[in-house]
Amino acid sequence: MNTVYILGAGFSAPYLPVQTHLLDSVLKFTNPQMERPEGPKTRSDVEFVGIAANLQQWFGDQFGPDYSDVWLEDVFTRLDHITDVPTPREDIQAMQQLRRKLDFALAYYLRYKPYNTSKIMKRRLSQMKARSVLHGIITLNWDTLLQRVALFNYGVPIHSVQGERVHRRSVPLLKLHGSADWWRCTRCRSLVADSSLAAFFETKCPVCQKSDTRFDSVLMMPTLMKNPMEGPLQEIWRLAFVLLAGADEIVFMGYSLPQADHALYYMVMEAKRSNAQLRAILREDDRDGLACRRFRSLIRHIDLDFRGIDAFLEVASETTLR
């Protein structure tokens, strides 16, 4: 049996906060390295401190002093609507720069927030391979937790900071919303994997060797305005369709089927085989929750499993691994 796993924010929790708490966590984050007098302070460290302060002021002005419950969807729907202008005025340019700063802050947080998850992620990946043929993994998450424990085929050409092509591996990991360590050259459109975030400051591309360029993060935001068929992620979405079409089983893990992800829902419904088995791995406290109701109302004949991810995959709990 060929299985495709679709991973949502719950796959990375509790090691990373879900969307409702992510924004507040990012803006209040302090890298432990910055607190050590002898610790290295990179340009990214210093830049993040300034950017976080700038963003805190903007969010306070826009949403009031208590913005901890503001959803990213609400923030980026507003920013995308304002900044998507071909010939922006000066005030629009300022908003575009603010959006870029927020992208950087998110990437920095996802890169440097300390996690101790390698053993868990390795075991989860091992169990995915053990229980059936791992046809591929589709993820909506920006984090690099899985990328830290294995090499994957990302479906698109990825280059190192030296400009060399990162060789593909057999298991596809298709990141539909981009990745915290991916940066795109505005000149040649090449994707560069740089977990140090130094690409944010670079003006010369290691691939095309052009100077006077800029690297933008590759993060698709959770808004109803997003169009996956435009931009650098469209090939990944196309390959995800092909992956789903070849699956005997499609398993949602840590995923709540949010309204902003309507594009994924329609892709799954269009691509899946008529006899493909659909599963959603939820937690016990999801039985009467919104995620459970959405799965039952939108996807017919789906098997809802309330054991949780690790029990479903028979992975040792975090407590056991310590």
Protein backbone atom coordinates (compact mmCIF):
# COMPACT_ATOMS: atom_id res chain seq x y z
CA MET A 1 0.00 0.00 0.00
CA ASN A 2 1.33 3.41 -1.01
CA THR A 3 0.74 6.08 1.65
CA VAL A 4 0.94 9.86 1.42
CA TYR A 5 0.99 11.79 4.69
CA ILE A 6 -0.33 15.35 4.86
CA LEU A 7 1.15 17.20 7.83
CA GLY A 8 -0.33 20.23 9.56
CA ALA A 9 0.77 22.45 12.44
CA GLY A 10 -0.19 19.78 14.97
CA PHE A 11 2.65 17.61 13.69
CA SER A 12 5.14 20.19 15.01
CA ALA A 13 3.29 20.89 18.26
CA PRO A 14 4.11 21.21 21.10
CA TYR A 15 7.63 21.92 19.88
CA LEU A 16 6.30 24.93 17.98
CA PRO A 17 3.10 26.86 18.72
CA VAL A 18 0.03 26.56 16.52
CA GLN A 19 -1.02 29.54 14.43
CA THR A 20 -3.09 31.22 17.15
CA HIS A 21 0.01 31.61 19.33
CA LEU A 22 2.76 31.78 16.72
CA LEU A 23 2.76 35.55 16.19
CA ASP A 24 3.06 36.41 19.87
CA SER A 25 5.76 33.75 20.32
CA VAL A 26 7.80 35.12 17.40
CA LEU A 27 7.75 38.76 18.53
CA LYS A 28 8.66 37.88 22.13
CA PHE A 29 11.30 35.31 21.22
CA THR A 30 14.81 35.65 22.62
CA ASN A 31 17.55 33.48 21.18
CA PRO A 32 19.39 31.86 24.14
CA GLN A 33 22.68 32.54 22.36
CA MET A 34 21.99 36.26 22.57
CA GLU A 35 21.77 36.08 26.37
CA ARG A 36 25.28 34.66 26.75
CA PRO A 37 28.03 37.29 26.98
CA GLU A 38 30.43 35.00 25.19
CA GLY A 39 27.85 33.78 22.67
CA PRO A 40 28.21 34.68 19.00
CA LYS A 41 25.96 37.48 17.80
CA THR A 42 25.49 37.22 14.08
CA ARG A 43 24.03 39.88 11.86
CA SER A 44 20.80 37.88 11.83
CA ASP A 45 20.68 38.01 15.65
CA VAL A 46 21.11 41.75 15.76
CA GLU A 47 18.69 42.32 12.89
CA PHE A 48 16.01 40.19 14.52
CA VAL A 49 16.10 42.24 17.74
CA GLY A 50 15.53 45.46 15.79
CA ILE A 51 12.89 43.95 13.52
CA ALA A 52 10.97 42.41 16.45
CA ALA A 53 10.83 45.80 18.20
CA ASN A 54 9.65 47.48 14.99
CA LEU A 55 6.95 44.84 14.44
CA GLN A 56 5.77 45.02 18.05
CA GLN A 57 5.18 48.73 17.63
CA TRP A 58 3.28 48.21 14.36
CA PHE A 59 1.09 45.44 15.79
CA GLY A 60 0.38 47.55 18.86
CA ASP A 61 -0.71 50.44 16.64
CA GLN A 62 -2.86 48.20 14.42
CA PHE A 63 -4.43 45.79 16.91
CA GLY A 64 -3.92 47.38 20.32
CA PRO A 65 -1.56 46.38 23.15
CA ASP A 66 -2.98 42.85 23.38
CA TYR A 67 -2.39 41.29 19.97
CA SER A 68 -1.50 37.82 21.25
CA ASP A 69 -4.71 36.33 19.84
CA VAL A 70 -4.40 37.88 16.38
CA TRP A 71 -4.26 35.17 13.72
CA LEU A 72 -1.62 35.22 11.00
CA GLU A 73 -4.46 34.85 8.52
CA ASP A 74 -5.88 38.22 9.58
CA VAL A 75 -2.48 39.91 9.46
CA PHE A 76 -1.34 38.62 6.09
CA THR A 77 -4.70 39.02 4.38
CA ARG A 78 -4.39 42.71 5.19
CA LEU A 79 -0.73 42.95 4.19
CA ASP A 80 -1.18 40.99 0.95
CA HIS A 81 -4.11 43.17 -0.04
CA ILE A 82 -2.14 46.36 0.58
CA THR A 83 1.24 45.35 -0.80
CA ASP A 84 0.21 43.53 -3.99
CA VAL A 85 0.57 46.65 -6.12
CA PRO A 86 2.63 46.72 -9.38
CA THR A 87 3.81 50.33 -8.98
CA PRO A 88 3.61 51.03 -5.26
CA ARG A 89 3.56 54.48 -3.69
CA GLU A 90 5.98 55.34 -0.93
CA ASP A 91 3.56 54.25 1.80
CA ILE A 92 2.92 50.97 0.00
CA GLN A 93 6.66 50.40 -0.30
CA ALA A 94 6.90 50.82 3.47
CA MET A 95 4.25 48.12 3.90
CA GLN A 96 6.10 45.81 1.52
CA GLN A 97 9.22 46.28 3.60
CA LEU A 98 7.22 45.53 6.73
CA ARG A 99 5.97 42.32 5.15
CA ARG A 100 9.54 41.32 4.32
CA LYS A 101 10.60 42.00 7.91
CA LEU A 102 7.78 39.82 9.20
CA ASP A 103 8.86 37.02 6.85
CA PHE A 104 12.39 37.30 8.25
CA ALA A 105 11.17 37.28 11.86
CA LEU A 106 9.15 34.11 11.20
CA ALA A 107 12.10 32.43 9.49
CA TYR A 108 14.45 33.41 12.34
CA TYR A 109 12.10 32.06 15.00
CA LEU A 110 11.54 28.76 13.19
CA ARG A 111 15.29 28.37 12.69
CA TYR A 112 16.58 29.31 16.12
CA LYS A 113 13.88 28.38 18.60
CA PRO A 114 15.51 25.50 20.50
CA TYR A 115 13.84 22.15 19.99
CA ASN A 116 14.85 18.69 21.16
CA THR A 117 12.87 16.75 18.62
CA SER A 118 15.39 14.85 16.52
CA LYS A 119 14.76 11.47 18.18
CA ILE A 120 11.00 11.87 17.85
CA MET A 121 11.14 12.97 14.22
CA LYS A 122 13.51 10.14 13.30
CA ARG A 123 11.23 7.58 14.90
CA ARG A 124 8.13 9.05 13.30
CA LEU A 125 9.79 8.92 9.89
CA SER A 126 10.97 5.37 10.53
CA GLN A 127 7.45 4.29 11.50
CA MET A 128 5.96 5.95 8.43
CA LYS A 129 8.28 3.82 6.33
CA ALA A 130 7.59 0.68 8.39
CA ARG A 131 3.78 0.66 8.35
CA SER A 132 3.44 0.96 4.55
CA VAL A 133 5.27 2.12 1.43
CA LEU A 134 6.08 5.78 2.08
CA HIS A 135 4.92 7.28 -1.22
CA GLY A 136 5.66 10.79 0.00
CA ILE A 137 5.01 13.53 2.55
CA ILE A 138 3.08 16.71 1.90
CA THR A 139 3.41 19.41 4.53
CA LEU A 140 1.85 22.81 5.14
CA ASN A 141 4.49 23.63 7.76
CA TRP A 142 7.34 26.10 7.29
CA ASP A 143 9.59 24.56 9.95
CA THR A 144 12.56 22.31 9.22
CA LEU A 145 12.05 19.64 11.89
CA LEU A 146 11.92 16.76 9.41
CA GLN A 147 14.64 18.24 7.22
CA ARG A 148 17.02 18.12 10.17
CA VAL A 149 16.85 14.34 10.43
CA ALA A 150 16.83 13.17 6.78
CA LEU A 151 17.45 14.15 3.17
CA PHE A 152 14.41 14.47 0.92
CA ASN A 153 13.39 15.18 -2.63
CA TYR A 154 11.77 18.61 -2.53
CA GLY A 155 10.41 18.41 -6.05
CA VAL A 156 12.18 21.58 -7.25
CA PRO A 157 15.85 22.51 -7.76
CA ILE A 158 17.37 23.66 -4.47
CA HIS A 159 20.87 25.15 -4.34
CA SER A 160 23.36 25.51 -1.53
CA VAL A 161 24.84 28.86 -0.50
CA GLN A 162 27.82 27.91 -2.69
CA GLY A 163 25.52 27.69 -5.71
CA GLU A 164 25.71 23.90 -6.00
CA ARG A 165 22.61 21.85 -6.71
CA VAL A 166 21.41 19.93 -3.66
CA HIS A 167 21.06 16.34 -4.82
CA ARG A 168 17.62 14.82 -4.61
CA ARG A 169 16.73 11.80 -2.53
CA SER A 170 14.03 9.19 -3.12
CA VAL A 171 11.39 10.21 -0.55
CA PRO A 172 9.44 13.33 -1.62
CA LEU A 173 8.84 16.03 0.97
CA LEU A 174 6.65 18.60 -0.76
CA LYS A 175 6.42 21.83 1.23
CA LEU A 176 3.31 23.48 -0.19
CA HIS A 177 3.73 26.66 1.84
CA GLY A 178 7.50 26.96 1.46
CA SER A 179 10.26 26.58 4.03
CA ALA A 180 11.91 28.77 6.65
CA ASP A 181 15.34 28.08 5.11
CA TRP A 182 14.41 28.75 1.45
CA TRP A 183 15.29 32.03 -0.25
CA ARG A 184 14.61 33.09 -3.84
CA CYS A 185 16.88 35.29 -5.94
CA THR A 186 14.87 38.14 -7.46
CA ARG A 187 17.07 38.08 -10.56
CA CYS A 188 17.23 34.42 -11.66
CA ARG A 189 14.44 33.03 -9.40
CA SER A 190 16.71 30.26 -8.12
CA LEU A 191 15.92 28.77 -4.72
CA VAL A 192 18.76 28.72 -2.20
CA ALA A 193 18.65 26.77 1.06
CA ASP A 194 20.29 28.85 3.78
CA SER A 195 19.43 28.01 7.38
CA SER A 196 21.75 30.76 8.65
CA LEU A 197 19.39 33.39 7.13
CA ALA A 198 22.40 35.27 5.79
CA ALA A 199 20.73 35.31 2.36
CA PHE A 200 18.36 37.97 3.70
CA PHE A 201 21.29 40.42 3.55
CA GLU A 202 23.00 39.12 0.39
CA THR A 203 23.11 41.15 -2.82
CA LYS A 204 24.90 38.59 -5.02
CA CYS A 205 23.37 35.31 -6.08
CA PRO A 206 25.59 32.19 -5.80
CA VAL A 207 23.70 30.61 -8.71
CA CYS A 208 23.50 33.28 -11.42
CA GLN A 209 26.40 35.30 -9.97
CA LYS A 210 24.44 38.50 -10.55
CA SER A 211 25.03 41.38 -8.20
CA ASP A 212 22.50 43.95 -7.07
CA THR A 213 19.86 41.34 -6.34
CA ARG A 214 17.72 40.51 -3.30
CA PHE A 215 16.68 37.26 -1.67
CA ASP A 216 13.09 36.94 -0.53
CA SER A 217 11.79 34.24 1.77
CA VAL A 218 9.65 31.50 0.22
CA LEU A 219 6.71 31.41 2.61
CA MET A 220 3.11 31.16 1.46
CA MET A 221 0.98 32.83 4.07
CA PRO A 222 -2.32 31.53 5.48
CA THR A 223 -4.72 33.85 3.70
CA LEU A 224 -7.78 33.36 1.51
CA MET A 225 -6.00 35.44 -1.14
CA LYS A 226 -3.15 33.00 -1.74
CA ASN A 227 -2.82 31.46 -5.20
CA PRO A 228 -0.63 28.33 -5.20
CA MET A 229 -0.55 28.31 -9.00
CA GLU A 230 1.59 31.45 -9.05
CA GLY A 231 5.13 31.95 -7.85
CA PRO A 232 7.94 29.55 -6.92
CA LEU A 233 5.73 26.90 -5.32
CA GLN A 234 3.53 26.06 -8.30
CA GLU A 235 5.68 23.11 -9.40
CA ILE A 236 5.56 21.69 -5.87
CA TRP A 237 1.76 21.87 -5.94
CA ARG A 238 1.69 20.14 -9.32
CA LEU A 239 3.88 17.33 -8.03
CA ALA A 240 1.70 17.03 -4.91
CA PHE A 241 -1.29 16.35 -7.19
CA VAL A 242 0.68 13.58 -8.92
CA LEU A 243 1.73 12.15 -5.55
CA LEU A 244 -1.84 12.07 -4.27
CA ALA A 245 -3.10 10.48 -7.49
CA GLY A 246 -0.76 7.53 -6.93
CA ALA A 247 -1.67 6.93 -3.27
CA ASP A 248 -3.68 4.02 -1.92
CA GLU A 249 -3.93 5.77 1.44
CA ILE A 250 -3.92 9.46 2.37
CA VAL A 251 -3.31 10.25 6.04
CA PHE A 252 -3.83 13.71 7.55
CA MET A 253 -1.73 14.19 10.70
CA GLY A 254 -1.88 17.21 12.99
CA TYR A 255 -4.09 18.96 10.47
CA SER A 256 -7.35 20.80 11.15
CA LEU A 257 -8.52 21.40 7.56
CA PRO A 258 -8.66 25.21 8.02
CA GLN A 259 -10.75 27.35 5.71
CA ALA A 260 -7.69 29.16 4.35
CA ASP A 261 -6.40 25.84 2.98
CA HIS A 262 -9.32 25.34 0.60
CA ALA A 263 -6.84 24.87 -2.29
CA LEU A 264 -5.37 21.76 -0.64
CA TYR A 265 -8.81 20.33 0.11
CA TYR A 266 -9.91 20.66 -3.50
CA MET A 267 -6.62 19.22 -4.75
CA VAL A 268 -6.99 16.14 -2.53
CA MET A 269 -10.59 15.60 -3.62
CA GLU A 270 -9.68 15.99 -7.29
CA ALA A 271 -6.50 13.91 -7.25
CA LYS A 272 -7.36 10.96 -5.02
CA ARG A 273 -8.33 7.61 -6.43
CA SER A 274 -11.94 6.55 -5.94
CA ASN A 275 -10.84 3.62 -3.78
CA ALA A 276 -8.12 5.47 -1.84
CA GLN A 277 -8.47 5.22 1.93
CA LEU A 278 -8.61 8.53 3.80
CA ARG A 279 -7.60 8.91 7.45
CA ALA A 280 -7.30 11.86 9.81
CA ILE A 281 -5.21 11.39 12.95
CA LEU A 282 -6.64 13.60 15.68
CA ARG A 283 -6.40 13.80 19.46
CA GLU A 284 -8.97 12.61 21.99
CA ASP A 285 -9.94 16.20 22.83
CA ASP A 286 -10.71 16.82 19.13
CA ARG A 287 -13.83 14.61 19.20
CA ASP A 288 -16.15 17.56 19.66
CA GLY A 289 -13.86 20.17 18.14
CA LEU A 290 -13.89 22.21 14.95
CA ALA A 291 -11.35 20.01 13.15
CA CYS A 292 -13.49 16.91 13.70
CA ARG A 293 -16.61 18.68 12.46
CA ARG A 294 -14.86 20.00 9.35
CA PHE A 295 -13.47 16.60 8.38
CA ARG A 296 -16.87 14.94 8.85
CA SER A 297 -18.75 17.61 6.91
CA LEU A 298 -16.31 18.07 4.04
CA ILE A 299 -14.83 14.62 3.40
CA ARG A 300 -17.11 11.62 3.08
CA HIS A 301 -16.02 8.19 4.25
CA ILE A 302 -12.96 9.45 6.10
CA ASP A 303 -11.68 7.36 9.01
CA LEU A 304 -11.15 9.57 12.07
CA ASP A 305 -8.55 8.21 14.50
CA PHE A 306 -8.36 9.93 17.90
CA ARG A 307 -5.24 8.22 19.24
CA GLY A 308 -2.89 11.06 18.35
CA ILE A 309 0.14 10.98 16.06
CA ASP A 310 2.60 9.08 18.23
CA ALA A 311 0.12 6.42 19.32
CA PHE A 312 -0.96 5.95 15.71
CA LEU A 313 2.64 5.54 14.60
CA GLU A 314 3.60 3.69 17.77
CA VAL A 315 6.35 6.14 18.58
CA ALA A 316 7.73 6.51 22.12
CA SER A 317 6.47 9.62 23.87
CA GLU A 318 8.71 12.61 24.52
CA THR A 319 8.89 11.66 28.21
CA THR A 320 10.17 8.18 27.35
CA LEU A 321 12.87 9.59 25.10
CA ARG A 322 14.34 11.82 27.75
